[in-house]
N, C-alpha and C. Protein backbone atom coordinates (compact mmCIF):
# COMPACT_ATOMS: atom_id res chain seq x y z
N UNK A 1 99.12 -50.70 -95.14
CA UNK A 1 100.62 -50.98 -94.79
C UNK A 1 101.16 -51.89 -94.64
N UNK A 2 100.15 -52.62 -93.50
CA UNK A 2 100.15 -54.11 -93.35
C UNK A 2 101.12 -55.37 -94.27
N UNK A 3 99.60 -55.62 -95.25
CA UNK A 3 100.09 -55.93 -95.94
C UNK A 3 101.74 -55.73 -97.16
N UNK A 4 101.91 -54.61 -97.22
CA UNK A 4 103.10 -54.26 -98.24
C UNK A 4 103.83 -54.62 -96.98
N UNK A 5 104.40 -54.64 -95.65
CA UNK A 5 105.27 -55.45 -94.98
C UNK A 5 105.62 -56.85 -95.27
N UNK A 6 104.10 -57.42 -94.73
CA UNK A 6 104.36 -59.11 -95.35
C UNK A 6 104.96 -59.12 -97.10
N UNK A 7 104.24 -58.35 -97.83
CA UNK A 7 104.63 -58.78 -99.01
C UNK A 7 106.18 -58.48 -99.14
N UNK A 8 106.93 -57.92 -98.70
CA UNK A 8 108.46 -57.47 -98.96
C UNK A 8 109.18 -58.61 -97.79
N UNK A 9 108.65 -59.21 -96.59
CA UNK A 9 108.84 -60.31 -96.47
C UNK A 9 108.85 -61.54 -96.67
N UNK A 10 107.93 -61.86 -97.58
CA UNK A 10 107.17 -62.61 -98.48
C UNK A 10 108.66 -62.69 -99.63
N UNK A 11 108.98 -61.63 -100.23
CA UNK A 11 109.87 -60.86 -101.78
C UNK A 11 111.17 -61.58 -101.06
N UNK A 12 111.66 -61.60 -100.14
CA UNK A 12 112.88 -61.13 -99.10
C UNK A 12 113.34 -62.34 -98.88
N UNK A 13 112.34 -62.99 -98.30
CA UNK A 13 112.42 -64.55 -98.59
C UNK A 13 113.09 -65.03 -99.54
N UNK A 14 112.04 -65.23 -100.15
CA UNK A 14 112.02 -65.56 -102.30
C UNK A 14 113.66 -65.75 -102.43
N UNK A 15 114.11 -64.31 -102.20
CA UNK A 15 115.37 -64.24 -102.56
C UNK A 15 116.48 -64.97 -102.09
N UNK A 16 116.40 -65.05 -100.10
CA UNK A 16 117.47 -65.60 -99.87
C UNK A 16 117.23 -66.82 -99.78
N UNK A 17 116.26 -67.42 -100.31
CA UNK A 17 115.88 -69.20 -100.60
C UNK A 17 116.92 -68.84 -101.75
N UNK A 18 116.32 -67.96 -102.92
CA UNK A 18 116.98 -68.66 -104.39
C UNK A 18 118.25 -68.27 -103.76
N UNK A 19 119.18 -67.33 -103.16
CA UNK A 19 120.98 -66.92 -103.03
C UNK A 19 121.11 -67.89 -102.74
N UNK A 20 120.87 -68.73 -101.49
CA UNK A 20 121.08 -69.84 -100.91
C UNK A 20 121.74 -70.97 -101.60
N UNK A 21 120.45 -71.37 -102.57
CA UNK A 21 120.82 -72.66 -103.21
C UNK A 21 121.56 -71.89 -104.61
N UNK A 22 121.78 -70.91 -104.88
CA UNK A 22 122.07 -70.23 -106.07
C UNK A 22 123.87 -70.61 -105.50
N UNK A 23 123.91 -69.91 -104.16
CA UNK A 23 125.14 -70.07 -103.94
C UNK A 23 126.10 -71.50 -103.08
N UNK A 24 125.23 -71.99 -102.74
CA UNK A 24 125.47 -73.28 -103.24
C UNK A 24 126.20 -74.22 -104.46
N UNK A 25 125.42 -74.36 -105.44
CA UNK A 25 125.35 -75.03 -106.55
C UNK A 25 126.99 -74.47 -106.66
N UNK A 26 127.42 -73.11 -107.04
CA UNK A 26 128.54 -72.55 -107.39
C UNK A 26 129.38 -72.77 -106.52
N UNK A 27 129.46 -73.27 -104.89
CA UNK A 27 130.26 -73.43 -104.00
C UNK A 27 130.42 -74.77 -104.72
N UNK A 28 129.67 -75.82 -104.72
CA UNK A 28 129.65 -77.35 -105.13
C UNK A 28 131.39 -77.64 -106.49
N UNK A 29 130.59 -76.55 -107.39
CA UNK A 29 131.48 -76.39 -108.54
C UNK A 29 132.54 -75.12 -108.95
N UNK A 30 133.18 -75.19 -107.72
CA UNK A 30 134.39 -74.17 -107.08
C UNK A 30 133.89 -72.84 -108.40
N UNK A 31 132.70 -72.53 -108.26
CA UNK A 31 132.61 -70.91 -109.77
C UNK A 31 132.83 -69.69 -108.48
N UNK A 32 132.72 -68.57 -109.33
CA UNK A 32 132.48 -67.27 -108.17
C UNK A 32 131.11 -67.03 -107.26
N UNK A 33 131.46 -66.71 -106.01
CA UNK A 33 130.56 -67.09 -105.28
C UNK A 33 129.82 -65.87 -104.73
N UNK A 34 128.88 -65.93 -103.87
CA UNK A 34 127.68 -64.90 -103.53
C UNK A 34 128.66 -64.39 -102.38
N UNK A 35 129.02 -62.82 -101.72
CA UNK A 35 129.57 -62.82 -100.66
C UNK A 35 128.52 -62.82 -100.01
N UNK A 36 129.40 -63.13 -98.36
CA UNK A 36 128.02 -63.33 -97.19
C UNK A 36 127.88 -62.82 -96.71
N UNK A 37 128.56 -61.02 -96.66
CA UNK A 37 127.68 -59.75 -96.47
C UNK A 37 126.66 -59.73 -97.53
N UNK A 38 126.31 -60.16 -98.99
CA UNK A 38 124.95 -60.15 -99.62
C UNK A 38 123.69 -61.05 -98.62
N UNK A 39 124.48 -61.96 -98.56
CA UNK A 39 123.42 -62.95 -97.83
C UNK A 39 123.61 -62.76 -96.28
N UNK A 40 123.77 -61.97 -95.91
CA UNK A 40 123.54 -61.80 -94.56
C UNK A 40 122.14 -59.97 -94.31
N UNK A 41 122.73 -59.08 -95.72
CA UNK A 41 121.61 -58.15 -95.99
C UNK A 41 120.36 -58.30 -96.43
N UNK A 42 120.66 -59.42 -96.88
CA UNK A 42 119.00 -59.97 -98.12
C UNK A 42 118.29 -60.21 -96.45
N UNK A 43 119.21 -61.47 -95.62
CA UNK A 43 118.54 -61.72 -94.07
C UNK A 43 117.66 -61.17 -93.55
N UNK A 44 118.65 -59.86 -93.24
CA UNK A 44 118.03 -58.91 -92.78
C UNK A 44 117.11 -57.76 -92.79
N UNK A 45 117.17 -58.02 -94.59
CA UNK A 45 116.17 -56.49 -94.86
C UNK A 45 114.51 -57.10 -95.03
N UNK A 46 114.38 -58.91 -94.14
CA UNK A 46 113.79 -59.09 -94.30
C UNK A 46 113.66 -60.75 -95.27
N UNK A 47 114.68 -61.07 -95.46
CA UNK A 47 114.52 -62.66 -95.76
C UNK A 47 114.96 -63.66 -94.95
N UNK A 48 115.38 -63.47 -93.88
CA UNK A 48 115.74 -63.95 -93.15
C UNK A 48 114.88 -65.92 -92.42
N UNK A 49 113.19 -65.84 -92.49
CA UNK A 49 112.92 -66.98 -92.87
C UNK A 49 113.38 -67.56 -93.84
N UNK A 50 113.10 -67.23 -95.48
CA UNK A 50 113.76 -67.66 -96.71
C UNK A 50 115.35 -68.56 -96.33
N UNK A 51 116.36 -67.49 -95.67
CA UNK A 51 117.67 -67.70 -96.07
C UNK A 51 117.67 -68.87 -94.92
N UNK A 52 117.20 -68.74 -93.91
CA UNK A 52 117.23 -69.88 -93.00
C UNK A 52 116.74 -71.52 -93.28
N UNK A 53 115.60 -71.33 -94.23
CA UNK A 53 114.88 -72.27 -95.01
C UNK A 53 115.69 -73.16 -95.91
N UNK A 54 116.38 -71.92 -96.82
CA UNK A 54 117.60 -71.51 -97.74
C UNK A 54 118.94 -72.47 -97.15
N UNK A 55 119.18 -72.25 -96.35
CA UNK A 55 119.91 -72.89 -95.58
C UNK A 55 120.36 -74.72 -95.24
N UNK A 56 118.64 -74.97 -94.88
CA UNK A 56 118.56 -75.92 -94.40
C UNK A 56 118.30 -76.83 -95.33
N UNK A 57 117.36 -76.61 -96.49
CA UNK A 57 117.46 -77.74 -97.61
C UNK A 57 118.60 -78.08 -97.95
N UNK A 58 119.51 -76.78 -98.48
CA UNK A 58 120.61 -77.00 -99.64
C UNK A 58 121.86 -77.41 -97.81
N UNK A 59 121.70 -77.39 -97.00
CA UNK A 59 123.04 -77.42 -96.03
C UNK A 59 124.15 -76.86 -96.60
N UNK A 60 123.76 -75.89 -96.73
CA UNK A 60 124.60 -74.61 -97.00
C UNK A 60 124.99 -73.55 -95.74
N UNK A 61 126.32 -73.36 -95.15
CA UNK A 61 126.97 -72.86 -94.57
C UNK A 61 126.28 -72.69 -93.13
N UNK A 62 126.16 -74.59 -93.23
CA UNK A 62 125.59 -75.18 -91.89
C UNK A 62 127.28 -75.27 -90.96
N UNK A 63 128.19 -74.91 -91.13
CA UNK A 63 129.27 -75.25 -91.05
C UNK A 63 129.91 -73.64 -90.30
N UNK A 64 129.08 -72.73 -90.57
CA UNK A 64 129.77 -71.40 -90.11
C UNK A 64 129.08 -71.00 -88.69
N UNK A 65 129.34 -70.64 -87.62
CA UNK A 65 129.09 -70.44 -86.30
C UNK A 65 128.15 -69.32 -86.43
N UNK A 66 128.36 -68.14 -87.12
CA UNK A 66 127.41 -66.94 -86.48
C UNK A 66 126.12 -67.32 -88.16
N UNK A 67 126.34 -68.19 -89.12
CA UNK A 67 125.22 -68.21 -89.74
C UNK A 67 124.07 -69.53 -88.79
N UNK A 68 124.85 -70.30 -88.45
CA UNK A 68 124.15 -71.45 -87.27
C UNK A 68 123.20 -70.67 -86.30
N UNK A 69 123.15 -69.94 -85.96
CA UNK A 69 122.80 -68.78 -84.65
C UNK A 69 122.46 -67.60 -85.29
N UNK A 70 122.56 -66.89 -86.00
CA UNK A 70 122.24 -65.78 -86.35
C UNK A 70 120.61 -65.34 -87.28
N UNK A 71 120.93 -67.01 -88.64
CA UNK A 71 119.59 -66.84 -89.14
C UNK A 71 118.56 -67.26 -88.68
N UNK A 72 118.44 -68.41 -88.02
CA UNK A 72 117.76 -68.84 -87.18
C UNK A 72 116.99 -67.63 -86.07
N UNK A 73 117.77 -66.81 -85.47
CA UNK A 73 117.62 -65.64 -84.98
C UNK A 73 116.49 -64.55 -85.89
N UNK A 74 117.14 -63.95 -86.72
CA UNK A 74 116.80 -63.31 -87.72
C UNK A 74 115.54 -63.75 -87.94
N UNK A 75 115.45 -65.06 -88.54
CA UNK A 75 114.11 -65.57 -88.80
C UNK A 75 112.76 -65.85 -87.83
N UNK A 76 113.47 -65.74 -86.74
CA UNK A 76 112.44 -66.09 -85.82
C UNK A 76 112.16 -64.08 -85.57
N UNK A 77 112.42 -63.37 -85.70
CA UNK A 77 112.14 -62.24 -85.59
C UNK A 77 111.21 -61.66 -86.41
N UNK A 78 111.38 -61.95 -87.72
CA UNK A 78 110.68 -62.07 -89.03
C UNK A 78 109.39 -62.91 -88.88
N UNK A 79 109.40 -64.22 -88.22
CA UNK A 79 108.08 -64.70 -88.02
C UNK A 79 107.50 -64.09 -87.37
N UNK A 80 107.66 -63.50 -86.03
CA UNK A 80 107.09 -62.72 -85.10
C UNK A 80 106.10 -61.59 -85.74
N UNK A 81 107.03 -60.99 -86.52
CA UNK A 81 106.37 -59.79 -86.75
C UNK A 81 105.35 -60.10 -88.16
N UNK A 82 105.96 -61.08 -88.91
CA UNK A 82 104.88 -61.75 -89.52
C UNK A 82 102.98 -62.08 -88.76
N UNK A 83 103.74 -62.65 -87.74
CA UNK A 83 102.57 -63.30 -87.11
C UNK A 83 101.67 -61.93 -86.32
N UNK A 84 102.57 -61.50 -86.31
CA UNK A 84 102.12 -60.07 -85.10
C UNK A 84 100.89 -58.91 -86.10
N UNK A 85 101.67 -58.82 -87.50
CA UNK A 85 101.05 -57.97 -88.32
C UNK A 85 99.78 -59.01 -89.05
N UNK A 86 99.84 -60.17 -89.08
CA UNK A 86 98.65 -61.06 -89.98
C UNK A 86 97.70 -61.68 -88.95
């Protein structure tokens, strides 16, 4: 069961990272964007670590206070859960 949780966090983190990069590219090109609600849901359901890393690498959503403080908090929670399971 614990391996499943770790794989879930890894999968959702990869999705969160990809979505941040994809949304940043769409923002640069002034195209259709991913809803913030979707980005938050991915982060909350296991993708906090990847979403935070994506935010920092792609410099995306760094002007939004909720993302600047919320994503690191979620990432820490999932990092602690991952370390506790591992």
